[in-house]
C-alpha atoms as a PDB file:
ATOM      1  CA  MET A   1       0.000   0.000   0.000  1.00  0.00           C
ATOM      2  CA  VAL A   2       1.156   3.522  -0.763  1.00  0.00           C
ATOM      3  CA  ASN A   3       0.235   6.133   1.818  1.00  0.00           C
ATOM      4  CA  THR A   4      -1.510   8.897  -0.084  1.00  0.00           C
ATOM      5  CA  ALA A   5      -3.813   9.981   2.722  1.00  0.00           C
ATOM      6  CA  SER A   6      -4.370  13.604   3.554  1.00  0.00           C
ATOM      7  CA  PRO A   7      -2.566  14.862   6.683  1.00  0.00           C
ATOM      8  CA  ASP A   8      -6.044  15.755   7.961  1.00  0.00           C
ATOM      9  CA  ARG A   9      -6.889  12.188   8.821  1.00  0.00           C
ATOM     10  CA  PHE A  10     -10.578  12.774   9.445  1.00  0.00           C
ATOM     11  CA  LEU A  11     -12.196  14.623   6.594  1.00  0.00           C
ATOM     12  CA  LYS A  12     -15.380  16.620   7.180  1.00  0.00           C
ATOM     13  CA  THR A  13     -18.061  13.955   7.733  1.00  0.00           C
ATOM     14  CA  ALA A  14     -18.208  10.349   8.900  1.00  0.00           C
ATOM     15  CA  LEU A  15     -20.850   7.684   9.511  1.00  0.00           C
ATOM     16  CA  ILE A  16     -20.169   4.955  12.058  1.00  0.00           C
ATOM     17  CA  VAL A  17     -22.701   2.147  11.836  1.00  0.00           C
ATOM     18  CA  GLY A  18     -22.929   0.217  15.086  1.00  0.00           C
ATOM     19  CA  GLY A  19     -21.478   3.009  17.206  1.00  0.00           C
ATOM     20  CA  GLY A  20     -23.286   2.078  20.378  1.00  0.00           C
ATOM     21  CA  GLN A  21     -20.542  -0.035  21.905  1.00  0.00           C
ATOM     22  CA  GLY A  22     -17.262  -1.841  21.318  1.00  0.00           C
ATOM     23  CA  ILE A  23     -15.170  -0.981  18.273  1.00  0.00           C
ATOM     24  CA  GLY A  24     -17.879   1.258  16.831  1.00  0.00           C
ATOM     25  CA  LEU A  25     -17.968   3.403  19.957  1.00  0.00           C
ATOM     26  CA  GLY A  26     -14.182   3.531  19.845  1.00  0.00           C
ATOM     27  CA  PHE A  27     -14.297   4.895  16.314  1.00  0.00           C
ATOM     28  CA  VAL A  28     -16.809   7.567  17.334  1.00  0.00           C
ATOM     29  CA  ARG A  29     -14.611   8.746  20.202  1.00  0.00           C
ATOM     30  CA  ARG A  30     -11.455   8.713  18.096  1.00  0.00           C
ATOM     31  CA  LEU A  31     -13.059  10.650  15.254  1.00  0.00           C
ATOM     32  CA  LEU A  32     -14.479  13.271  17.600  1.00  0.00           C
ATOM     33  CA  ALA A  33     -11.011  13.797  19.076  1.00  0.00           C
ATOM     34  CA  ASN A  34     -10.034  15.451  15.787  1.00  0.00           C
ATOM     35  CA  ASN A  35     -11.039  19.090  15.608  1.00  0.00           C
ATOM     36  CA  ASP A  36     -11.036  19.175  11.792  1.00  0.00           C
ATOM     37  CA  LEU A  37     -14.054  16.911  11.627  1.00  0.00           C
ATOM     38  CA  GLU A  38     -17.312  18.740  11.064  1.00  0.00           C
ATOM     39  CA  ARG A  39     -19.815  15.972  11.794  1.00  0.00           C
ATOM     40  CA  VAL A  40     -19.934  12.382  13.020  1.00  0.00           C
ATOM     41  CA  TYR A  41     -23.110  10.401  12.480  1.00  0.00           C
ATOM     42  CA  ALA A  42     -23.471   7.234  14.543  1.00  0.00           C
ATOM     43  CA  THR A  43     -26.103   4.524  14.631  1.00  0.00           C
ATOM     44  CA  TYR A  44     -27.086   2.135  17.392  1.00  0.00           C
ATOM     45  CA  ARG A  45     -29.626  -0.689  17.506  1.00  0.00           C
ATOM     46  CA  ARG A  46     -30.773  -0.841  21.126  1.00  0.00           C
ATOM     47  CA  LEU A  47     -31.155   2.116  23.460  1.00  0.00           C
ATOM     48  CA  GLU A  48     -30.009   0.163  26.511  1.00  0.00           C
ATOM     49  CA  SER A  49     -26.672  -0.716  24.902  1.00  0.00           C
ATOM     50  CA  ALA A  50     -25.946   2.815  23.662  1.00  0.00           C
ATOM     51  CA  THR A  51     -25.818   4.732  26.953  1.00  0.00           C
ATOM     52  CA  GLU A  52     -22.135   5.649  26.590  1.00  0.00           C
ATOM     53  CA  LEU A  53     -22.616   6.841  23.023  1.00  0.00           C
ATOM     54  CA  LEU A  54     -25.650   8.949  23.899  1.00  0.00           C
ATOM     55  CA  ALA A  55     -23.814  10.454  26.872  1.00  0.00           C
ATOM     56  CA  ILE A  56     -21.104  11.982  24.657  1.00  0.00           C
ATOM     57  CA  ALA A  57     -21.456  15.754  24.822  1.00  0.00           C
ATOM     58  CA  ASP A  58     -20.243  16.984  21.446  1.00  0.00           C
ATOM     59  CA  SER A  59     -22.361  19.108  19.143  1.00  0.00           C
ATOM     60  CA  ARG A  60     -20.731  17.466  16.102  1.00  0.00           C
ATOM     61  CA  LEU A  61     -22.209  14.075  17.001  1.00  0.00           C
ATOM     62  CA  GLU A  62     -25.652  13.056  15.768  1.00  0.00           C
ATOM     63  CA  CYS A  63     -27.046   9.636  16.695  1.00  0.00           C
ATOM     64  CA  PHE A  64     -29.747   7.543  15.059  1.00  0.00           C
ATOM     65  CA  GLN A  65     -31.421   4.365  16.227  1.00  0.00           C
ATOM     66  CA  MET A  66     -31.224   1.888  13.352  1.00  0.00           C
ATOM     67  CA  ASP A  67     -31.431  -1.843  12.782  1.00  0.00           C
ATOM     68  CA  LEU A  68     -29.036  -2.776   9.980  1.00  0.00           C
ATOM     69  CA  THR A  69     -31.261  -5.678   8.950  1.00  0.00           C
ATOM     70  CA  ASP A  70     -34.132  -3.296   8.084  1.00  0.00           C
ATOM     71  CA  GLU A  71     -33.498  -1.494   4.784  1.00  0.00           C
ATOM     72  CA  SER A  72     -36.263   1.033   5.426  1.00  0.00           C
ATOM     73  CA  GLN A  73     -34.463   2.139   8.591  1.00  0.00           C
ATOM     74  CA  ILE A  74     -31.151   2.437   6.742  1.00  0.00           C
ATOM     75  CA  ALA A  75     -32.825   4.498   4.020  1.00  0.00           C
ATOM     76  CA  ALA A  76     -34.429   6.767   6.629  1.00  0.00           C
ATOM     77  CA  VAL A  77     -31.067   7.467   8.279  1.00  0.00           C
ATOM     78  CA  VAL A  78     -29.419   8.180   4.920  1.00  0.00           C
ATOM     79  CA  HIS A  79     -32.272  10.544   4.079  1.00  0.00           C
ATOM     80  CA  LYS A  80     -31.700  12.448   7.336  1.00  0.00           C
ATOM     81  CA  ILE A  81     -27.979  12.727   6.603  1.00  0.00           C
ATOM     82  CA  GLN A  82     -28.705  13.936   3.068  1.00  0.00           C
ATOM     83  CA  ALA A  83     -30.787  16.757   4.562  1.00  0.00           C
ATOM     84  CA  GLU A  84     -27.536  18.092   6.054  1.00  0.00           C
ATOM     85  CA  THR A  85     -24.828  17.073   3.605  1.00  0.00           C
ATOM     86  CA  THR A  86     -24.325  15.546   0.172  1.00  0.00           C
ATOM     87  CA  THR A  87     -21.005  13.904   1.028  1.00  0.00           C
ATOM     88  CA  LEU A  88     -19.554  11.390   3.437  1.00  0.00           C
ATOM     89  CA  TYR A  89     -15.832  10.791   3.657  1.00  0.00           C
ATOM     90  CA  TYR A  90     -15.865   7.833   6.048  1.00  0.00           C
ATOM     91  CA  VAL A  91     -18.476   5.105   6.323  1.00  0.00           C
ATOM     92  CA  ILE A  92     -17.374   2.412   8.771  1.00  0.00           C
ATOM     93  CA  ASN A  93     -19.650  -0.539   9.474  1.00  0.00           C
ATOM     94  CA  CYS A  94     -18.980  -2.147  12.851  1.00  0.00           C
ATOM     95  CA  VAL A  95     -22.146  -4.227  13.156  1.00  0.00           C
ATOM     96  CA  GLY A  96     -21.717  -7.956  13.637  1.00  0.00           C
ATOM     97  CA  VAL A  97     -23.036 -10.884  15.638  1.00  0.00           C
ATOM     98  CA  LEU A  98     -21.168 -13.925  16.961  1.00  0.00           C
ATOM     99  CA  HIS A  99     -23.399 -14.882  19.872  1.00  0.00           C
ATOM    100  CA  GLU A 100     -26.832 -13.660  20.877  1.00  0.00           C
ATOM    101  CA  GLY A 101     -29.030 -15.552  23.341  1.00  0.00           C
ATOM    102  CA  GLU A 102     -29.413 -19.042  21.900  1.00  0.00           C
ATOM    103  CA  LEU A 103     -27.275 -18.068  18.916  1.00  0.00           C
ATOM    104  CA  GLN A 104     -23.825 -19.508  19.589  1.00  0.00           C
ATOM    105  CA  PRO A 105     -20.979 -20.496  17.233  1.00  0.00           C
ATOM    106  CA  GLU A 106     -21.320 -24.129  16.227  1.00  0.00           C
ATOM    107  CA  LYS A 107     -18.659 -26.642  17.218  1.00  0.00           C
ATOM    108  CA  SER A 108     -19.959 -29.461  15.028  1.00  0.00           C
ATOM    109  CA  LEU A 109     -22.469 -30.259  12.301  1.00  0.00           C
ATOM    110  CA  ARG A 110     -24.853 -31.600  14.946  1.00  0.00           C
ATOM    111  CA  GLN A 111     -25.439 -28.010  16.090  1.00  0.00           C
ATOM    112  CA  ILE A 112     -26.412 -26.628  12.684  1.00  0.00           C
ATOM    113  CA  ASP A 113     -29.813 -24.938  12.690  1.00  0.00           C
ATOM    114  CA  SER A 114     -31.236 -23.153   9.638  1.00  0.00           C
ATOM    115  CA  ASP A 115     -32.784 -20.250  11.555  1.00  0.00           C
ATOM    116  CA  ARG A 116     -29.543 -19.548  13.367  1.00  0.00           C
ATOM    117  CA  LEU A 117     -27.565 -19.724  10.137  1.00  0.00           C
ATOM    118  CA  LEU A 118     -29.952 -17.235   8.574  1.00  0.00           C
ATOM    119  CA  ARG A 119     -29.517 -14.887  11.539  1.00  0.00           C
ATOM    120  CA  TYR A 120     -25.743 -14.858  11.022  1.00  0.00           C
ATOM    121  CA  PHE A 121     -26.178 -13.982   7.365  1.00  0.00           C
ATOM    122  CA  GLN A 122     -28.906 -11.432   8.041  1.00  0.00           C
ATOM    123  CA  VAL A 123     -26.715  -9.406  10.418  1.00  0.00           C
ATOM    124  CA  ASN A 124     -23.169 -10.041   9.209  1.00  0.00           C
ATOM    125  CA  SER A 125     -23.727 -10.094   5.444  1.00  0.00           C
ATOM    126  CA  VAL A 126     -27.083  -8.931   4.121  1.00  0.00           C
ATOM    127  CA  GLY A 127     -27.320  -5.912   6.435  1.00  0.00           C
ATOM    128  CA  ALA A 128     -23.942  -4.653   5.277  1.00  0.00           C
ATOM    129  CA  MET A 129     -24.956  -5.067   1.637  1.00  0.00           C
ATOM    130  CA  LEU A 130     -28.091  -3.002   2.220  1.00  0.00           C
ATOM    131  CA  LEU A 131     -25.878  -0.318   3.759  1.00  0.00           C
ATOM    132  CA  PHE A 132     -23.531  -0.323   0.752  1.00  0.00           C
ATOM    133  CA  LYS A 133     -26.556   0.173  -1.491  1.00  0.00           C
ATOM    134  CA  GLN A 134     -28.097   3.024   0.485  1.00  0.00           C
ATOM    135  CA  VAL A 135     -24.961   5.124   1.160  1.00  0.00           C
ATOM    136  CA  GLN A 136     -23.783   5.067  -2.450  1.00  0.00           C
ATOM    137  CA  PRO A 137     -25.199   8.543  -3.312  1.00  0.00           C
ATOM    138  CA  LEU A 138     -23.229  10.098  -0.432  1.00  0.00           C
ATOM    139  CA  LEU A 139     -19.962   8.742  -1.842  1.00  0.00           C
ATOM    140  CA  LYS A 140     -20.439  10.083  -5.376  1.00  0.00           C
ATOM    141  CA  HIS A 141     -18.073  12.996  -4.946  1.00  0.00           C
ATOM    142  CA  GLN A 142     -14.612  13.893  -6.180  1.00  0.00           C
ATOM    143  CA  ASN A 143     -12.693  13.484  -2.927  1.00  0.00           C
ATOM    144  CA  ARG A 144     -11.093  10.397  -1.419  1.00  0.00           C
ATOM    145  CA  SER A 145     -13.546   8.463   0.714  1.00  0.00           C
ATOM    146  CA  ILE A 146     -13.541   5.196   2.614  1.00  0.00           C
ATOM    147  CA  LEU A 147     -16.228   2.544   2.942  1.00  0.00           C
ATOM    148  CA  ALA A 148     -14.904  -0.023   5.406  1.00  0.00           C
ATOM    149  CA  THR A 149     -16.596  -2.938   7.089  1.00  0.00           C
ATOM    150  CA  ILE A 150     -15.362  -4.941  10.042  1.00  0.00           C
ATOM    151  CA  SER A 151     -14.946  -8.524   8.913  1.00  0.00           C
ATOM    152  CA  ALA A 152     -12.981 -11.332  10.580  1.00  0.00           C
ATOM    153  CA  LYS A 153     -10.016 -13.496   9.733  1.00  0.00           C
ATOM    154  CA  VAL A 154     -12.148 -16.580  10.384  1.00  0.00           C
ATOM    155  CA  GLY A 155     -14.132 -15.513   7.306  1.00  0.00           C
ATOM    156  CA  SER A 156     -11.096 -16.292   5.154  1.00  0.00           C
ATOM    157  CA  ILE A 157     -11.681 -19.517   3.229  1.00  0.00           C
ATOM    158  CA  GLY A 158      -7.998 -19.884   2.428  1.00  0.00           C
ATOM    159  CA  ASP A 159      -6.939 -19.432   6.053  1.00  0.00           C
ATOM    160  CA  ASN A 160      -9.494 -21.835   7.573  1.00  0.00           C
ATOM    161  CA  GLN A 161      -7.482 -24.505   9.372  1.00  0.00           C
ATOM    162  CA  LEU A 162      -9.690 -25.285  12.368  1.00  0.00           C
ATOM    163  CA  GLY A 163     -13.237 -25.583  11.040  1.00  0.00           C
ATOM    164  CA  GLY A 164     -16.273 -25.024  13.247  1.00  0.00           C
ATOM    165  CA  TRP A 165     -18.155 -21.741  13.685  1.00  0.00           C
ATOM    166  CA  TYR A 166     -20.030 -22.514  10.457  1.00  0.00           C
ATOM    167  CA  GLY A 167     -22.506 -19.644  10.451  1.00  0.00           C
ATOM    168  CA  TYR A 168     -20.096 -16.946  11.574  1.00  0.00           C
ATOM    169  CA  ARG A 169     -17.338 -18.043   9.185  1.00  0.00           C
ATOM    170  CA  ALA A 170     -19.668 -18.344   6.198  1.00  0.00           C
ATOM    171  CA  SER A 171     -21.451 -15.045   6.864  1.00  0.00           C
ATOM    172  CA  LYS A 172     -18.141 -13.199   7.104  1.00  0.00           C
ATOM    173  CA  ALA A 173     -16.940 -14.889   3.903  1.00  0.00           C
ATOM    174  CA  ALA A 174     -20.151 -13.666   2.256  1.00  0.00           C
ATOM    175  CA  LEU A 175     -19.482 -10.182   3.616  1.00  0.00           C
ATOM    176  CA  ASN A 176     -16.036 -10.267   2.026  1.00  0.00           C
ATOM    177  CA  MET A 177     -17.557 -11.233  -1.327  1.00  0.00           C
ATOM    178  CA  PHE A 178     -20.094  -8.422  -1.007  1.00  0.00           C
ATOM    179  CA  ILE A 179     -17.372  -5.810  -0.382  1.00  0.00           C
ATOM    180  CA  ARG A 180     -15.291  -7.182  -3.276  1.00  0.00           C
ATOM    181  CA  THR A 181     -18.216  -7.136  -5.705  1.00  0.00           C
ATOM    182  CA  THR A 182     -19.492  -3.746  -4.568  1.00  0.00           C
ATOM    183  CA  ALA A 183     -16.012  -2.271  -5.021  1.00  0.00           C
ATOM    184  CA  ILE A 184     -16.133  -3.215  -8.710  1.00  0.00           C
ATOM    185  CA  GLU A 185     -19.390  -1.322  -9.231  1.00  0.00           C
ATOM    186  CA  TYR A 186     -18.222   1.613  -7.105  1.00  0.00           C
ATOM    187  CA  LYS A 187     -15.221   2.065  -9.405  1.00  0.00           C
ATOM    188  CA  ARG A 188     -17.729   3.142 -12.040  1.00  0.00           C
ATOM    189  CA  THR A 189     -20.170   5.070  -9.877  1.00  0.00           C
ATOM    190  CA  CYS A 190     -17.975   6.385  -7.019  1.00  0.00           C
ATOM    191  CA  PRO A 191     -14.434   6.322  -8.444  1.00  0.00           C
ATOM    192  CA  GLN A 192     -12.829   8.073  -5.456  1.00  0.00           C
ATOM    193  CA  ALA A 193     -14.266   5.621  -2.918  1.00  0.00           C
ATOM    194  CA  ILE A 194     -12.051   2.889  -1.485  1.00  0.00           C
ATOM    195  CA  LEU A 195     -13.911  -0.165  -0.155  1.00  0.00           C
ATOM    196  CA  VAL A 196     -12.237  -2.633   2.202  1.00  0.00           C
ATOM    197  CA  ALA A 197     -12.957  -5.438   4.647  1.00  0.00           C
ATOM    198  CA  LEU A 198     -10.939  -5.194   7.867  1.00  0.00           C
ATOM    199  CA  HIS A 199      -9.949  -7.825  10.421  1.00  0.00           C
ATOM    200  CA  PRO A 200      -9.562  -6.034  13.774  1.00  0.00           C
ATOM    201  CA  GLY A 201      -7.821  -8.784  15.699  1.00  0.00           C
ATOM    202  CA  THR A 202      -9.267 -10.134  18.935  1.00  0.00           C
ATOM    203  CA  THR A 203     -10.528  -7.074  20.771  1.00  0.00           C
ATOM    204  CA  ASP A 204     -11.711  -6.840  24.357  1.00  0.00           C
ATOM    205  CA  THR A 205     -15.413  -6.347  23.667  1.00  0.00           C
ATOM    206  CA  ARG A 206     -18.695  -8.050  24.505  1.00  0.00           C
ATOM    207  CA  LEU A 207     -18.494  -9.988  21.238  1.00  0.00           C
ATOM    208  CA  SER A 208     -15.216 -11.709  22.146  1.00  0.00           C
ATOM    209  CA  LEU A 209     -15.742 -11.957  25.918  1.00  0.00           C
ATOM    210  CA  PRO A 210     -16.843 -15.637  26.060  1.00  0.00           C
ATOM    211  CA  PHE A 211     -13.847 -16.666  23.951  1.00  0.00           C
ATOM    212  CA  GLN A 212     -11.001 -14.724  25.578  1.00  0.00           C
ATOM    213  CA  ARG A 213      -9.801 -17.425  27.972  1.00  0.00           C
ATOM    214  CA  ASN A 214      -7.282 -18.954  25.559  1.00  0.00           C
ATOM    215  CA  VAL A 215      -6.162 -15.659  23.980  1.00  0.00           C
ATOM    216  CA  PRO A 216      -2.630 -14.605  25.038  1.00  0.00           C
ATOM    217  CA  PRO A 217      -2.668 -11.170  26.694  1.00  0.00           C
ATOM    218  CA  GLU A 218      -0.487  -9.665  23.964  1.00  0.00           C
ATOM    219  CA  LYS A 219      -3.040 -10.754  21.334  1.00  0.00           C
ATOM    220  CA  LEU A 220      -6.082  -9.343  23.126  1.00  0.00           C
ATOM    221  CA  PHE A 221      -6.324  -5.718  22.038  1.00  0.00           C
ATOM    222  CA  SER A 222      -8.038  -2.876  23.835  1.00  0.00           C
ATOM    223  CA  VAL A 223     -10.687  -1.045  21.824  1.00  0.00           C
ATOM    224  CA  ASP A 224      -8.463   2.038  21.660  1.00  0.00           C
ATOM    225  CA  ARG A 225      -5.557   0.019  20.275  1.00  0.00           C
ATOM    226  CA  THR A 226      -7.760  -1.722  17.708  1.00  0.00           C
ATOM    227  CA  VAL A 227      -9.259   1.532  16.453  1.00  0.00           C
ATOM    228  CA  ALA A 228      -5.841   3.197  16.224  1.00  0.00           C
ATOM    229  CA  GLN A 229      -4.448   0.250  14.261  1.00  0.00           C
ATOM    230  CA  LEU A 230      -7.380   0.145  11.867  1.00  0.00           C
ATOM    231  CA  LEU A 231      -7.191   3.881  11.239  1.00  0.00           C
ATOM    232  CA  THR A 232      -3.510   3.480  10.409  1.00  0.00           C
ATOM    233  CA  VAL A 233      -4.494   0.866   7.823  1.00  0.00           C
ATOM    234  CA  ILE A 234      -7.238   3.120   6.463  1.00  0.00           C
ATOM    235  CA  ASP A 235      -4.867   6.073   6.195  1.00  0.00           C
ATOM    236  CA  GLY A 236      -2.496   4.006   4.079  1.00  0.00           C
ATOM    237  CA  LEU A 237      -5.026   2.851   1.510  1.00  0.00           C
ATOM    238  CA  ASP A 238      -4.857   3.885  -2.116  1.00  0.00           C
ATOM    239  CA  PRO A 239      -7.368   3.265  -4.936  1.00  0.00           C
ATOM    240  CA  ASN A 240      -5.656   0.016  -5.922  1.00  0.00           C
ATOM    241  CA  ASP A 241      -6.551  -1.398  -2.511  1.00  0.00           C
ATOM    242  CA  SER A 242     -10.292  -1.102  -3.081  1.00  0.00           C
ATOM    243  CA  GLY A 243     -12.070  -4.429  -2.791  1.00  0.00           C
ATOM    244  CA  GLU A 244      -9.337  -6.015  -0.660  1.00  0.00           C
ATOM    245  CA  PHE A 245      -9.260  -7.688   2.771  1.00  0.00           C
ATOM    246  CA  PHE A 246      -6.756  -6.349   5.308  1.00  0.00           C
ATOM    247  CA  SER A 247      -5.689  -7.382   8.781  1.00  0.00           C
ATOM    248  CA  TRP A 248      -5.138  -4.911  11.632  1.00  0.00           C
ATOM    249  CA  ASP A 249      -1.399  -4.766  10.843  1.00  0.00           C
ATOM    250  CA  GLY A 250      -1.956  -3.787   7.210  1.00  0.00           C
ATOM    251  CA  SER A 251      -1.214  -7.225   5.741  1.00  0.00           C
ATOM    252  CA  ARG A 252      -3.516  -8.623   3.060  1.00  0.00           C
ATOM    253  CA  LEU A 253      -5.556 -11.639   4.048  1.00  0.00           C
ATOM    254  CA  PRO A 254      -6.424 -14.494   1.675  1.00  0.00           C
ATOM    255  CA  TRP A 255      -9.987 -14.881   0.553  1.00  0.00           C
END
């Protein structure tokens, strides 16, 4: 990657999808720490899990309740943003599900359930694709912009050595295909937009909490560290990187 990023890391406007907690909340805080940013839009799904986000006292922050699996809600949020601006420079999707009530990563084929598989795809794959569709008009401008989605290394088909976690792995692999395919169309419609899937590493969040026991301390990242590392990757992207899959350290991951 060739670093062609502007010295003003955070340009004008940003949308963080899934900003209520974890990595998404970390992105919101990091972006607001830059005084050159004019506006940060952030979405959250459930009010009870977004208390920290909604407590942030910054006039540049505007929050919307939105379920990424409901296209009408995504369209409504985009419409509200369009009432204020015609351009976004950062769109970062941090929504994902690994476990949720009875939804747990499968250890064997005996645990496969069609409804649970569909839930993984609905949140981790289809929701992101609906977002890519709806934000496209806000990325049709002549300045460098980023559309990034948090993926996972376990979604790499080529890197899969352990098996298991069928629904999560497959839904993240589908997400990677969606970002790759969308990047091809965006080259025609939004030529200055760079689209990437990002693996954040194991981060100390609610999503990873049940699975942290066997993670070495040096490989369990704080949210602040993860966000800083991912922004370093984002800053180093150039147009040739659009449609690619990057790890937190900037290395390319196999599909």
